[in-house]
Structures are given as structure tokens and as C-alpha cells.
Amino acid sequence: MQVTRKTNIIKQDIEVAGKSYEVVNQFIYLGSQINSRNVIKEEIRLRILAGSRSLFTNKKLLKNKDLNAASKLQIHKSII
């Protein structure tokens, strides 16, 4: 696959061993978003969104007074 900044590329389906594969503008591979324009802005936005979602999901747990500080710190580190 060739990733380039040029916008005038003609997109064609790729055929390997008799199977046809669709060319896409972006996809997620190993948790990172890869796109045809090689722009990282969307990747940063997705990571911030995932971090915020994780924090607010566990906010009630982290504010629990029954857990000691060491346990809360361990939970926080495992989230990140």
C-alpha cells in the first residue's frame, strides 16, 4: 500500500490471488487510524475521546470513599 499526500490518485480495487479488495480512505489498524492523506488530526481526536470516555465511565468508582488511595491509583494506571 502506498500512502501519499496527493489528492488526484485514481482509486482502484486491488486483486490478490483471485480475491478483490476495496480501496478505502481510512481504517483502524492495531488501534491507530491510518488514512490516505497521512493526517494525524483525526487520530488525536479519537484518542482524546477514548480517554475521556474511559475516565467518565469510571468516575464514580474513583470517587468511592470505600477504596483507599493505593487502590484508586492502581485502577487509574490500569485505565490509562
PDB file of N, CA and C in Angstrom:
ATOM      1  N   MET A   1       0.841  -1.182   0.000  1.00  0.00           N
ATOM      2  CA  MET A   1       0.000   0.000   0.000  1.00  0.00           C
ATOM      3  C   MET A   1       0.873   1.227   0.000  1.00  0.00           C
ATOM      4  N   GLN A   2       0.508   2.195  -0.774  1.00  0.00           N
ATOM      5  CA  GLN A   2       1.254   3.436  -0.837  1.00  0.00           C
ATOM      6  C   GLN A   2       0.401   4.544  -0.244  1.00  0.00           C
ATOM      7  N   VAL A   3       0.939   5.223   0.766  1.00  0.00           N
ATOM      8  CA  VAL A   3       0.247   6.348   1.374  1.00  0.00           C
ATOM      9  C   VAL A   3       0.915   7.606   0.867  1.00  0.00           C
ATOM     10  N   THR A   4       0.157   8.503   0.293  1.00  0.00           N
ATOM     11  CA  THR A   4       0.699   9.725  -0.277  1.00  0.00           C
ATOM     12  C   THR A   4      -0.205  10.895   0.024  1.00  0.00           C
ATOM     13  N   ARG A   5       0.321  12.084  -0.088  1.00  0.00           N
ATOM     14  CA  ARG A   5      -0.465  13.296   0.170  1.00  0.00           C
ATOM     15  C   ARG A   5      -1.195  13.790  -1.071  1.00  0.00           C
ATOM     16  N   LYS A   6      -0.916  13.216  -2.198  1.00  0.00           N
ATOM     17  CA  LYS A   6      -1.557  13.650  -3.430  1.00  0.00           C
ATOM     18  C   LYS A   6      -3.043  13.318  -3.390  1.00  0.00           C
ATOM     19  N   THR A   7      -3.859  14.243  -3.841  1.00  0.00           N
ATOM     20  CA  THR A   7      -5.306  14.035  -3.793  1.00  0.00           C
ATOM     21  C   THR A   7      -5.885  13.585  -5.131  1.00  0.00           C
ATOM     22  N   ASN A   8      -5.099  13.587  -6.183  1.00  0.00           N
ATOM     23  CA  ASN A   8      -5.618  13.229  -7.502  1.00  0.00           C
ATOM     24  C   ASN A   8      -5.296  11.783  -7.877  1.00  0.00           C
ATOM     25  N   ILE A   9      -5.276  10.892  -6.902  1.00  0.00           N
ATOM     26  CA  ILE A   9      -4.988   9.483  -7.144  1.00  0.00           C
ATOM     27  C   ILE A   9      -6.271   8.776  -7.591  1.00  0.00           C
ATOM     28  N   ILE A  10      -6.151   7.968  -8.609  1.00  0.00           N
ATOM     29  CA  ILE A  10      -7.286   7.173  -9.076  1.00  0.00           C
ATOM     30  C   ILE A  10      -7.356   5.919  -8.204  1.00  0.00           C
ATOM     31  N   LYS A  11      -8.493   5.707  -7.577  1.00  0.00           N
ATOM     32  CA  LYS A  11      -8.659   4.566  -6.679  1.00  0.00           C
ATOM     33  C   LYS A  11      -9.197   3.387  -7.463  1.00  0.00           C
ATOM     34  N   GLN A  12      -8.515   2.263  -7.310  1.00  0.00           N
ATOM     35  CA  GLN A  12      -8.935   1.040  -7.966  1.00  0.00           C
ATOM     36  C   GLN A  12      -8.948  -0.074  -6.940  1.00  0.00           C
ATOM     37  N   ASP A  13      -9.818  -1.031  -7.150  1.00  0.00           N
ATOM     38  CA  ASP A  13      -9.812  -2.203  -6.282  1.00  0.00           C
ATOM     39  C   ASP A  13      -8.545  -3.009  -6.547  1.00  0.00           C
ATOM     40  N   ILE A  14      -8.033  -3.635  -5.497  1.00  0.00           N
ATOM     41  CA  ILE A  14      -6.816  -4.433  -5.595  1.00  0.00           C
ATOM     42  C   ILE A  14      -7.217  -5.901  -5.641  1.00  0.00           C
ATOM     43  N   GLU A  15      -6.588  -6.658  -6.530  1.00  0.00           N
ATOM     44  CA  GLU A  15      -6.888  -8.075  -6.639  1.00  0.00           C
ATOM     45  C   GLU A  15      -5.630  -8.876  -6.319  1.00  0.00           C
ATOM     46  N   VAL A  16      -5.748  -9.779  -5.327  1.00  0.00           N
ATOM     47  CA  VAL A  16      -4.638 -10.630  -4.913  1.00  0.00           C
ATOM     48  C   VAL A  16      -5.154 -12.057  -4.851  1.00  0.00           C
ATOM     49  N   ALA A  17      -4.511 -12.946  -5.566  1.00  0.00           N
ATOM     50  CA  ALA A  17      -4.852 -14.373  -5.588  1.00  0.00           C
ATOM     51  C   ALA A  17      -6.335 -14.602  -5.894  1.00  0.00           C
ATOM     52  N   GLY A  18      -6.862 -13.826  -6.808  1.00  0.00           N
ATOM     53  CA  GLY A  18      -8.245 -14.010  -7.223  1.00  0.00           C
ATOM     54  C   GLY A  18      -9.280 -13.349  -6.328  1.00  0.00           C
ATOM     55  N   LYS A  19      -8.846 -12.709  -5.229  1.00  0.00           N
ATOM     56  CA  LYS A  19      -9.779 -12.024  -4.338  1.00  0.00           C
ATOM     57  C   LYS A  19      -9.634 -10.517  -4.525  1.00  0.00           C
ATOM     58  N   SER A  20     -10.760  -9.844  -4.590  1.00  0.00           N
ATOM     59  CA  SER A  20     -10.770  -8.403  -4.796  1.00  0.00           C
ATOM     60  C   SER A  20     -10.902  -7.670  -3.458  1.00  0.00           C
ATOM     61  N   TYR A  21     -10.076  -6.654  -3.259  1.00  0.00           N
ATOM     62  CA  TYR A  21     -10.097  -5.854  -2.037  1.00  0.00           C
ATOM     63  C   TYR A  21     -10.417  -4.410  -2.379  1.00  0.00           C
ATOM     64  N   GLU A  22     -11.262  -3.810  -1.561  1.00  0.00           N
ATOM     65  CA  GLU A  22     -11.707  -2.440  -1.770  1.00  0.00           C
ATOM     66  C   GLU A  22     -10.659  -1.457  -1.238  1.00  0.00           C
ATOM     67  N   VAL A  23     -10.412  -0.388  -1.956  1.00  0.00           N
ATOM     68  CA  VAL A  23      -9.532   0.685  -1.510  1.00  0.00           C
ATOM     69  C   VAL A  23     -10.362   1.641  -0.665  1.00  0.00           C
ATOM     70  N   VAL A  24      -9.883   1.970   0.544  1.00  0.00           N
ATOM     71  CA  VAL A  24     -10.618   2.844   1.451  1.00  0.00           C
ATOM     72  C   VAL A  24      -9.779   4.073   1.800  1.00  0.00           C
ATOM     73  N   ASN A  25     -10.448   5.132   2.277  1.00  0.00           N
ATOM     74  CA  ASN A  25      -9.754   6.354   2.666  1.00  0.00           C
ATOM     75  C   ASN A  25      -9.101   6.242   4.036  1.00  0.00           C
ATOM     76  N   GLN A  26      -9.723   5.501   4.948  1.00  0.00           N
ATOM     77  CA  GLN A  26      -9.167   5.361   6.295  1.00  0.00           C
ATOM     78  C   GLN A  26      -9.601   4.032   6.898  1.00  0.00           C
ATOM     79  N   PHE A  27      -8.761   3.524   7.823  1.00  0.00           N
ATOM     80  CA  PHE A  27      -9.087   2.307   8.550  1.00  0.00           C
ATOM     81  C   PHE A  27      -8.295   2.305   9.850  1.00  0.00           C
ATOM     82  N   ILE A  28      -8.719   1.454  10.784  1.00  0.00           N
ATOM     83  CA  ILE A  28      -8.047   1.356  12.069  1.00  0.00           C
ATOM     84  C   ILE A  28      -7.244   0.059  12.078  1.00  0.00           C
ATOM     85  N   TYR A  29      -5.939   0.183  12.352  1.00  0.00           N
ATOM     86  CA  TYR A  29      -5.032  -0.956  12.385  1.00  0.00           C
ATOM     87  C   TYR A  29      -4.258  -0.918  13.694  1.00  0.00           C
ATOM     88  N   LEU A  30      -4.398  -1.966  14.510  1.00  0.00           N
ATOM     89  CA  LEU A  30      -3.738  -2.058  15.810  1.00  0.00           C
ATOM     90  C   LEU A  30      -4.021  -0.840  16.684  1.00  0.00           C
ATOM     91  N   GLY A  31      -5.248  -0.338  16.621  1.00  0.00           N
ATOM     92  CA  GLY A  31      -5.662   0.767  17.471  1.00  0.00           C
ATOM     93  C   GLY A  31      -5.312   2.139  16.941  1.00  0.00           C
ATOM     94  N   SER A  32      -4.595   2.234  15.835  1.00  0.00           N
ATOM     95  CA  SER A  32      -4.236   3.523  15.246  1.00  0.00           C
ATOM     96  C   SER A  32      -4.991   3.711  13.944  1.00  0.00           C
ATOM     97  N   GLN A  33      -5.426   4.923  13.721  1.00  0.00           N
ATOM     98  CA  GLN A  33      -6.167   5.206  12.498  1.00  0.00           C
ATOM     99  C   GLN A  33      -5.184   5.568  11.388  1.00  0.00           C
ATOM    100  N   ILE A  34      -5.270   4.854  10.280  1.00  0.00           N
ATOM    101  CA  ILE A  34      -4.442   5.097   9.103  1.00  0.00           C
ATOM    102  C   ILE A  34      -5.348   5.717   8.051  1.00  0.00           C
ATOM    103  N   ASN A  35      -4.907   6.796   7.424  1.00  0.00           N
ATOM    104  CA  ASN A  35      -5.720   7.391   6.373  1.00  0.00           C
ATOM    105  C   ASN A  35      -4.875   7.695   5.147  1.00  0.00           C
ATOM    106  N   SER A  36      -5.525   7.942   4.040  1.00  0.00           N
ATOM    107  CA  SER A  36      -4.834   8.140   2.770  1.00  0.00           C
ATOM    108  C   SER A  36      -4.147   9.497   2.679  1.00  0.00           C
ATOM    109  N   ARG A  37      -4.583  10.458   3.479  1.00  0.00           N
ATOM    110  CA  ARG A  37      -3.988  11.796   3.437  1.00  0.00           C
ATOM    111  C   ARG A  37      -2.816  11.934   4.403  1.00  0.00           C
ATOM    112  N   ASN A  38      -2.568  10.926   5.228  1.00  0.00           N
ATOM    113  CA  ASN A  38      -1.474  10.928   6.197  1.00  0.00           C
ATOM    114  C   ASN A  38      -1.607  12.072   7.204  1.00  0.00           C
ATOM    115  N   VAL A  39      -2.852  12.355   7.617  1.00  0.00           N
ATOM    116  CA  VAL A  39      -3.143  13.418   8.577  1.00  0.00           C
ATOM    117  C   VAL A  39      -3.416  12.774   9.935  1.00  0.00           C
ATOM    118  N   ILE A  40      -2.818  13.307  10.989  1.00  0.00           N
ATOM    119  CA  ILE A  40      -2.920  12.697  12.312  1.00  0.00           C
ATOM    120  C   ILE A  40      -3.973  13.390  13.189  1.00  0.00           C
ATOM    121  N   LYS A  41      -4.562  14.464  12.703  1.00  0.00           N
ATOM    122  CA  LYS A  41      -5.522  15.247  13.488  1.00  0.00           C
ATOM    123  C   LYS A  41      -6.696  14.391  13.979  1.00  0.00           C
ATOM    124  N   GLU A  42      -7.244  13.565  13.111  1.00  0.00           N
ATOM    125  CA  GLU A  42      -8.382  12.708  13.471  1.00  0.00           C
ATOM    126  C   GLU A  42      -7.954  11.644  14.485  1.00  0.00           C
ATOM    127  N   GLU A  43      -6.730  11.120  14.341  1.00  0.00           N
ATOM    128  CA  GLU A  43      -6.203  10.122  15.274  1.00  0.00           C
ATOM    129  C   GLU A  43      -6.106  10.714  16.681  1.00  0.00           C
ATOM    130  N   ILE A  44      -5.619  11.930  16.797  1.00  0.00           N
ATOM    131  CA  ILE A  44      -5.504  12.596  18.103  1.00  0.00           C
ATOM    132  C   ILE A  44      -6.883  12.808  18.705  1.00  0.00           C
ATOM    133  N   ARG A  45      -7.844  13.233  17.887  1.00  0.00           N
ATOM    134  CA  ARG A  45      -9.205  13.457  18.373  1.00  0.00           C
ATOM    135  C   ARG A  45      -9.815  12.153  18.902  1.00  0.00           C
ATOM    136  N   LEU A  46      -9.595  11.053  18.197  1.00  0.00           N
ATOM    137  CA  LEU A  46     -10.135   9.758  18.633  1.00  0.00           C
ATOM    138  C   LEU A  46      -9.503   9.286  19.940  1.00  0.00           C
ATOM    139  N   ARG A  47      -8.210   9.512  20.103  1.00  0.00           N
ATOM    140  CA  ARG A  47      -7.537   9.097  21.339  1.00  0.00           C
ATOM    141  C   ARG A  47      -7.998   9.923  22.535  1.00  0.00           C
ATOM    142  N   ILE A  48      -8.170  11.232  22.347  1.00  0.00           N
ATOM    143  CA  ILE A  48      -8.677  12.081  23.431  1.00  0.00           C
ATOM    144  C   ILE A  48     -10.097  11.660  23.791  1.00  0.00           C
ATOM    145  N   LEU A  49     -10.909  11.370  22.802  1.00  0.00           N
ATOM    146  CA  LEU A  49     -12.278  10.922  23.038  1.00  0.00           C
ATOM    147  C   LEU A  49     -12.302   9.600  23.813  1.00  0.00           C
ATOM    148  N   ALA A  50     -11.427   8.675  23.455  1.00  0.00           N
ATOM    149  CA  ALA A  50     -11.370   7.381  24.155  1.00  0.00           C
ATOM    150  C   ALA A  50     -10.924   7.564  25.605  1.00  0.00           C
ATOM    151  N   GLY A  51      -9.960   8.445  25.843  1.00  0.00           N
ATOM    152  CA  GLY A  51      -9.500   8.711  27.202  1.00  0.00           C
ATOM    153  C   GLY A  51     -10.575   9.355  28.053  1.00  0.00           C
ATOM    154  N   SER A  52     -11.287  10.319  27.489  1.00  0.00           N
ATOM    155  CA  SER A  52     -12.376  10.980  28.213  1.00  0.00           C
ATOM    156  C   SER A  52     -13.503  10.000  28.519  1.00  0.00           C
ATOM    157  N   ARG A  53     -13.821   9.165  27.552  1.00  0.00           N
ATOM    158  CA  ARG A  53     -14.882   8.178  27.742  1.00  0.00           C
ATOM    159  C   ARG A  53     -14.518   7.216  28.871  1.00  0.00           C
ATOM    160  N   SER A  54     -13.276   6.778  28.896  1.00  0.00           N
ATOM    161  CA  SER A  54     -12.820   5.856  29.932  1.00  0.00           C
ATOM    162  C   SER A  54     -12.841   6.517  31.309  1.00  0.00           C
ATOM    163  N   LEU A  55     -12.383   7.760  31.391  1.00  0.00           N
ATOM    164  CA  LEU A  55     -12.356   8.467  32.671  1.00  0.00           C
ATOM    165  C   LEU A  55     -13.763   8.688  33.213  1.00  0.00           C
ATOM    166  N   PHE A  56     -14.670   9.166  32.385  1.00  0.00           N
ATOM    167  CA  PHE A  56     -16.025   9.446  32.855  1.00  0.00           C
ATOM    168  C   PHE A  56     -16.817   8.181  33.146  1.00  0.00           C
ATOM    169  N   THR A  57     -16.475   7.081  32.485  1.00  0.00           N
ATOM    170  CA  THR A  57     -17.118   5.810  32.791  1.00  0.00           C
ATOM    171  C   THR A  57     -16.758   5.345  34.192  1.00  0.00           C
ATOM    172  N   ASN A  58     -15.523   5.574  34.607  1.00  0.00           N
ATOM    173  CA  ASN A  58     -15.040   5.100  35.898  1.00  0.00           C
ATOM    174  C   ASN A  58     -14.986   6.196  36.959  1.00  0.00           C
ATOM    175  N   LYS A  59     -15.571   7.334  36.700  1.00  0.00           N
ATOM    176  CA  LYS A  59     -15.527   8.458  37.634  1.00  0.00           C
ATOM    177  C   LYS A  59     -16.181   8.109  38.977  1.00  0.00           C
ATOM    178  N   LYS A  60     -17.297   7.421  38.933  1.00  0.00           N
ATOM    179  CA  LYS A  60     -17.996   7.049  40.157  1.00  0.00           C
ATOM    180  C   LYS A  60     -17.127   6.105  40.999  1.00  0.00           C
ATOM    181  N   LEU A  61     -16.434   5.193  40.341  1.00  0.00           N
ATOM    182  CA  LEU A  61     -15.561   4.255  41.037  1.00  0.00           C
ATOM    183  C   LEU A  61     -14.388   4.975  41.689  1.00  0.00           C
ATOM    184  N   LEU A  62     -13.816   5.950  40.997  1.00  0.00           N
ATOM    185  CA  LEU A  62     -12.667   6.678  41.530  1.00  0.00           C
ATOM    186  C   LEU A  62     -13.048   7.627  42.666  1.00  0.00           C
ATOM    187  N   LYS A  63     -14.303   8.033  42.744  1.00  0.00           N
ATOM    188  CA  LYS A  63     -14.760   8.908  43.830  1.00  0.00           C
ATOM    189  C   LYS A  63     -15.271   8.121  45.036  1.00  0.00           C
ATOM    190  N   ASN A  64     -15.281   6.805  44.940  1.00  0.00           N
ATOM    191  CA  ASN A  64     -15.770   5.953  46.012  1.00  0.00           C
ATOM    192  C   ASN A  64     -14.888   6.106  47.251  1.00  0.00           C
ATOM    193  N   LYS A  65     -15.492   6.403  48.382  1.00  0.00           N
ATOM    194  CA  LYS A  65     -14.735   6.618  49.619  1.00  0.00           C
ATOM    195  C   LYS A  65     -14.344   5.309  50.297  1.00  0.00           C
ATOM    196  N   ASP A  66     -14.903   4.186  49.855  1.00  0.00           N
ATOM    197  CA  ASP A  66     -14.559   2.892  50.446  1.00  0.00           C
ATOM    198  C   ASP A  66     -13.206   2.370  49.947  1.00  0.00           C
ATOM    199  N   LEU A  67     -12.733   2.879  48.823  1.00  0.00           N
ATOM    200  CA  LEU A  67     -11.436   2.449  48.290  1.00  0.00           C
ATOM    201  C   LEU A  67     -10.334   3.369  48.802  1.00  0.00           C
ATOM    202  N   ASN A  68      -9.182   2.784  49.139  1.00  0.00           N
ATOM    203  CA  ASN A  68      -8.076   3.617  49.584  1.00  0.00           C
ATOM    204  C   ASN A  68      -7.339   4.213  48.384  1.00  0.00           C
ATOM    205  N   ALA A  69      -6.421   5.127  48.644  1.00  0.00           N
ATOM    206  CA  ALA A  69      -5.731   5.853  47.577  1.00  0.00           C
ATOM    207  C   ALA A  69      -4.886   4.925  46.712  1.00  0.00           C
ATOM    208  N   ALA A  70      -4.260   3.919  47.310  1.00  0.00           N
ATOM    209  CA  ALA A  70      -3.433   2.997  46.539  1.00  0.00           C
ATOM    210  C   ALA A  70      -4.276   2.209  45.532  1.00  0.00           C
ATOM    211  N   SER A  71      -5.447   1.783  45.943  1.00  0.00           N
ATOM    212  CA  SER A  71      -6.336   1.052  45.033  1.00  0.00           C
ATOM    213  C   SER A  71      -6.817   1.945  43.896  1.00  0.00           C
ATOM    214  N   LYS A  72      -7.167   3.189  44.232  1.00  0.00           N
ATOM    215  CA  LYS A  72      -7.609   4.135  43.202  1.00  0.00           C
ATOM    216  C   LYS A  72      -6.487   4.424  42.212  1.00  0.00           C
ATOM    217  N   LEU A  73      -5.259   4.555  42.704  1.00  0.00           N
ATOM    218  CA  LEU A  73      -4.127   4.791  41.833  1.00  0.00           C
ATOM    219  C   LEU A  73      -3.885   3.610  40.907  1.00  0.00           C
ATOM    220  N   GLN A  74      -4.021   2.406  41.416  1.00  0.00           N
ATOM    221  CA  GLN A  74      -3.853   1.207  40.599  1.00  0.00           C
ATOM    222  C   GLN A  74      -4.933   1.122  39.515  1.00  0.00           C
ATOM    223  N   ILE A  75      -6.170   1.474  39.875  1.00  0.00           N
ATOM    224  CA  ILE A  75      -7.265   1.488  38.897  1.00  0.00           C
ATOM    225  C   ILE A  75      -6.989   2.536  37.825  1.00  0.00           C
ATOM    226  N   HIS A  76      -6.544   3.714  38.248  1.00  0.00           N
ATOM    227  CA  HIS A  76      -6.247   4.803  37.310  1.00  0.00           C
ATOM    228  C   HIS A  76      -5.141   4.409  36.338  1.00  0.00           C
ATOM    229  N   LYS A  77      -4.081   3.782  36.827  1.00  0.00           N
ATOM    230  CA  LYS A  77      -2.993   3.356  35.970  1.00  0.00           C
ATOM    231  C   LYS A  77      -3.430   2.268  34.997  1.00  0.00           C
ATOM    232  N   SER A  78      -4.314   1.392  35.420  1.00  0.00           N
ATOM    233  CA  SER A  78      -4.784   0.333  34.525  1.00  0.00           C
ATOM    234  C   SER A  78      -5.704   0.887  33.432  1.00  0.00           C
ATOM    235  N   ILE A  79      -6.409   1.961  33.726  1.00  0.00           N
ATOM    236  CA  ILE A  79      -7.270   2.596  32.734  1.00  0.00           C
ATOM    237  C   ILE A  79      -6.434   3.236  31.636  1.00  0.00           C
ATOM    238  N   ILE A  80      -5.383   3.903  32.053  1.00  0.00           N
ATOM    239  CA  ILE A  80      -4.530   4.611  31.108  1.00  0.00           C
ATOM    240  C   ILE A  80      -3.662   3.615  30.387  1.00  0.00           C
TER     241      ILE A  80
END
